N, C-alpha and C. Protein backbone atom coordinates (compact mmCIF):
# COMPACT_ATOMS: atom_id res chain seq x y z
N MET A 1 0.84 -1.17 0.00
CA MET A 1 0.00 0.00 0.00
C MET A 1 0.89 1.24 0.00
N PRO A 2 0.67 2.19 -0.91
CA PRO A 2 1.51 3.40 -0.93
C PRO A 2 1.24 4.28 0.29
N ALA A 3 2.28 4.97 0.72
CA ALA A 3 2.13 5.89 1.86
C ALA A 3 1.32 7.09 1.42
N ARG A 4 0.49 7.60 2.31
CA ARG A 4 -0.29 8.79 2.00
C ARG A 4 0.33 9.99 2.69
N SER A 5 0.12 11.16 2.12
CA SER A 5 0.59 12.38 2.77
C SER A 5 -0.30 12.66 3.96
N PRO A 6 0.27 13.12 5.06
CA PRO A 6 -0.55 13.42 6.22
C PRO A 6 -1.48 14.59 5.93
N ALA A 7 -2.66 14.56 6.53
CA ALA A 7 -3.59 15.68 6.41
C ALA A 7 -2.99 16.88 7.13
N PRO A 8 -3.30 18.11 6.68
CA PRO A 8 -2.70 19.30 7.29
C PRO A 8 -2.85 19.37 8.81
N HIS A 9 -3.95 18.87 9.35
CA HIS A 9 -4.14 18.95 10.80
C HIS A 9 -3.30 17.91 11.56
N GLU A 10 -2.72 16.94 10.86
CA GLU A 10 -1.89 15.91 11.50
C GLU A 10 -0.41 16.31 11.56
N LEU A 11 -0.06 17.40 10.93
CA LEU A 11 1.33 17.82 10.85
C LEU A 11 1.71 18.70 12.05
N ALA A 12 2.99 18.78 12.32
CA ALA A 12 3.50 19.65 13.40
C ALA A 12 3.85 21.01 12.79
N TRP A 13 2.86 21.90 12.72
CA TRP A 13 3.05 23.23 12.15
C TRP A 13 3.76 24.12 13.16
N PHE A 14 4.64 25.02 12.68
CA PHE A 14 5.34 25.94 13.56
C PHE A 14 5.52 27.28 12.87
N LYS A 15 5.69 28.32 13.67
CA LYS A 15 5.97 29.67 13.16
C LYS A 15 7.42 30.01 13.49
N SER A 16 7.95 30.96 12.78
CA SER A 16 9.30 31.43 13.03
C SER A 16 9.38 32.06 14.42
N SER A 17 10.50 31.90 15.05
CA SER A 17 10.71 32.55 16.35
C SER A 17 10.77 34.06 16.19
N HIS A 18 10.92 34.55 14.95
CA HIS A 18 10.97 35.99 14.68
C HIS A 18 9.59 36.57 14.40
N SER A 19 8.54 35.75 14.45
CA SER A 19 7.20 36.26 14.11
C SER A 19 6.62 37.12 15.22
N GLY A 20 7.10 36.99 16.44
CA GLY A 20 6.64 37.84 17.54
C GLY A 20 5.20 37.60 17.92
N ALA A 21 4.62 38.56 18.60
CA ALA A 21 3.25 38.43 19.10
C ALA A 21 2.21 38.82 18.06
N ASN A 22 2.64 39.43 16.97
CA ASN A 22 1.69 39.86 15.94
C ASN A 22 1.17 38.64 15.21
N THR A 23 -0.12 38.40 15.27
CA THR A 23 -0.71 37.22 14.63
C THR A 23 -1.35 37.54 13.29
N THR A 24 -1.12 38.74 12.76
CA THR A 24 -1.81 39.12 11.53
C THR A 24 -1.02 38.84 10.26
N GLU A 25 0.27 38.60 10.35
CA GLU A 25 1.08 38.44 9.14
C GLU A 25 2.10 37.32 9.29
N CYS A 26 1.63 36.12 9.54
CA CYS A 26 2.55 35.01 9.74
C CYS A 26 2.27 33.86 8.78
N VAL A 27 3.31 33.12 8.51
CA VAL A 27 3.16 31.85 7.82
C VAL A 27 3.60 30.77 8.77
N GLU A 28 3.11 29.57 8.55
CA GLU A 28 3.51 28.42 9.34
C GLU A 28 4.14 27.41 8.40
N CYS A 29 5.05 26.62 8.93
CA CYS A 29 5.73 25.58 8.17
C CYS A 29 5.57 24.25 8.88
N ALA A 30 5.66 23.19 8.11
CA ALA A 30 5.66 21.83 8.66
C ALA A 30 6.65 21.02 7.84
N HIS A 31 7.54 20.32 8.51
CA HIS A 31 8.51 19.47 7.82
C HIS A 31 7.83 18.17 7.39
N VAL A 32 8.11 17.76 6.17
CA VAL A 32 7.66 16.47 5.63
C VAL A 32 8.88 15.79 5.03
N THR A 33 8.77 14.53 4.67
CA THR A 33 9.93 13.78 4.21
C THR A 33 10.58 14.37 2.96
N TYR A 34 9.83 15.00 2.10
CA TYR A 34 10.36 15.53 0.85
C TYR A 34 10.67 17.02 0.90
N GLY A 35 10.44 17.68 2.05
CA GLY A 35 10.70 19.11 2.14
C GLY A 35 9.89 19.78 3.24
N VAL A 36 9.23 20.87 2.85
CA VAL A 36 8.48 21.69 3.81
C VAL A 36 7.15 22.09 3.20
N LEU A 37 6.13 22.16 4.03
CA LEU A 37 4.83 22.70 3.64
C LEU A 37 4.70 24.08 4.27
N ILE A 38 4.09 25.01 3.56
CA ILE A 38 3.94 26.38 4.05
C ILE A 38 2.48 26.78 3.88
N ARG A 39 1.92 27.44 4.92
CA ARG A 39 0.53 27.90 4.85
C ARG A 39 0.39 29.23 5.60
N ASP A 40 -0.70 29.90 5.34
CA ASP A 40 -1.05 31.13 6.04
C ASP A 40 -1.57 30.75 7.42
N SER A 41 -1.00 31.31 8.46
CA SER A 41 -1.40 30.94 9.82
C SER A 41 -2.83 31.36 10.14
N LYS A 42 -3.36 32.33 9.42
CA LYS A 42 -4.73 32.77 9.66
C LYS A 42 -5.75 31.89 8.95
N ASP A 43 -5.30 31.03 8.05
CA ASP A 43 -6.20 30.20 7.25
C ASP A 43 -5.67 28.76 7.24
N ALA A 44 -5.77 28.10 8.38
CA ALA A 44 -5.20 26.76 8.53
C ALA A 44 -5.81 25.74 7.58
N ASP A 45 -7.01 25.97 7.13
CA ASP A 45 -7.66 25.04 6.20
C ASP A 45 -7.51 25.47 4.74
N GLY A 46 -6.75 26.53 4.51
CA GLY A 46 -6.58 27.05 3.15
C GLY A 46 -5.49 26.33 2.38
N SER A 47 -5.00 27.00 1.38
CA SER A 47 -3.98 26.43 0.49
C SER A 47 -2.67 26.18 1.21
N VAL A 48 -1.95 25.18 0.74
CA VAL A 48 -0.64 24.82 1.28
C VAL A 48 0.34 24.76 0.11
N VAL A 49 1.49 25.38 0.30
CA VAL A 49 2.55 25.36 -0.71
C VAL A 49 3.58 24.31 -0.29
N SER A 50 3.97 23.47 -1.22
CA SER A 50 4.95 22.43 -0.97
C SER A 50 6.28 22.85 -1.59
N VAL A 51 7.35 22.79 -0.79
CA VAL A 51 8.67 23.19 -1.25
C VAL A 51 9.63 22.02 -1.00
N GLY A 52 10.39 21.66 -2.01
CA GLY A 52 11.34 20.56 -1.89
C GLY A 52 12.49 20.89 -0.95
N THR A 53 13.14 19.85 -0.46
CA THR A 53 14.23 19.99 0.50
C THR A 53 15.35 20.90 0.00
N SER A 54 15.77 20.73 -1.23
CA SER A 54 16.87 21.52 -1.78
C SER A 54 16.48 23.00 -1.88
N ALA A 55 15.29 23.27 -2.40
CA ALA A 55 14.84 24.66 -2.54
C ALA A 55 14.69 25.32 -1.17
N TRP A 56 14.16 24.59 -0.19
CA TRP A 56 14.01 25.13 1.16
C TRP A 56 15.37 25.45 1.76
N GLY A 57 16.34 24.57 1.56
CA GLY A 57 17.68 24.81 2.07
C GLY A 57 18.30 26.07 1.47
N CYS A 58 18.12 26.27 0.17
CA CYS A 58 18.63 27.48 -0.49
C CYS A 58 17.95 28.73 0.08
N PHE A 59 16.65 28.66 0.30
CA PHE A 59 15.89 29.78 0.85
C PHE A 59 16.40 30.14 2.25
N VAL A 60 16.52 29.15 3.12
CA VAL A 60 16.97 29.39 4.50
C VAL A 60 18.41 29.93 4.51
N ASN A 61 19.28 29.36 3.69
CA ASN A 61 20.66 29.85 3.63
C ASN A 61 20.72 31.28 3.12
N GLY A 62 19.88 31.62 2.16
CA GLY A 62 19.81 32.99 1.67
C GLY A 62 19.38 33.96 2.76
N LEU A 63 18.40 33.55 3.56
CA LEU A 63 17.97 34.39 4.69
C LEU A 63 19.09 34.58 5.69
N ARG A 64 19.80 33.52 5.99
CA ARG A 64 20.90 33.61 6.95
C ARG A 64 22.00 34.54 6.44
N GLN A 65 22.33 34.45 5.16
CA GLN A 65 23.35 35.31 4.59
C GLN A 65 22.92 36.76 4.62
N HIS A 66 21.65 37.01 4.30
CA HIS A 66 21.12 38.38 4.30
C HIS A 66 21.14 38.93 5.72
N GLN A 67 20.74 38.13 6.70
CA GLN A 67 20.70 38.57 8.08
C GLN A 67 22.09 38.91 8.59
N SER A 68 23.07 38.11 8.24
CA SER A 68 24.44 38.37 8.72
C SER A 68 25.03 39.60 8.03
N ALA A 69 24.49 40.03 6.90
CA ALA A 69 25.00 41.20 6.19
C ALA A 69 24.36 42.49 6.67
N LEU A 70 23.31 42.41 7.50
CA LEU A 70 22.64 43.62 7.98
C LEU A 70 23.49 44.31 9.03
N PRO A 71 23.48 45.65 9.04
CA PRO A 71 24.23 46.38 10.08
C PRO A 71 23.58 46.18 11.44
N VAL A 72 24.38 46.18 12.46
CA VAL A 72 23.86 45.97 13.83
C VAL A 72 23.49 47.28 14.46
C-alpha cells in the first residue's frame, strides 16, 4: 500500500521565532519527508505550498546570509 501524505491537521506546524506576538502576518511551516509545507497561519484550512528539501535549504541559507550582512 503506498504511503499517503498526512492531512494538514496531522502535521507539526510551527511559526518562526521571529514572528513575535503579531498574529496578523505570519506563515507556518511543517517538515515532511520531501521538504516543507507552508501555509497562512490565519487560514489553517486554506492552500498549502509544498517546497522541496533543496529549494528550502537554499531559501533558508539565503535568509541567513542576508541577516548576517545587515548592520547591527
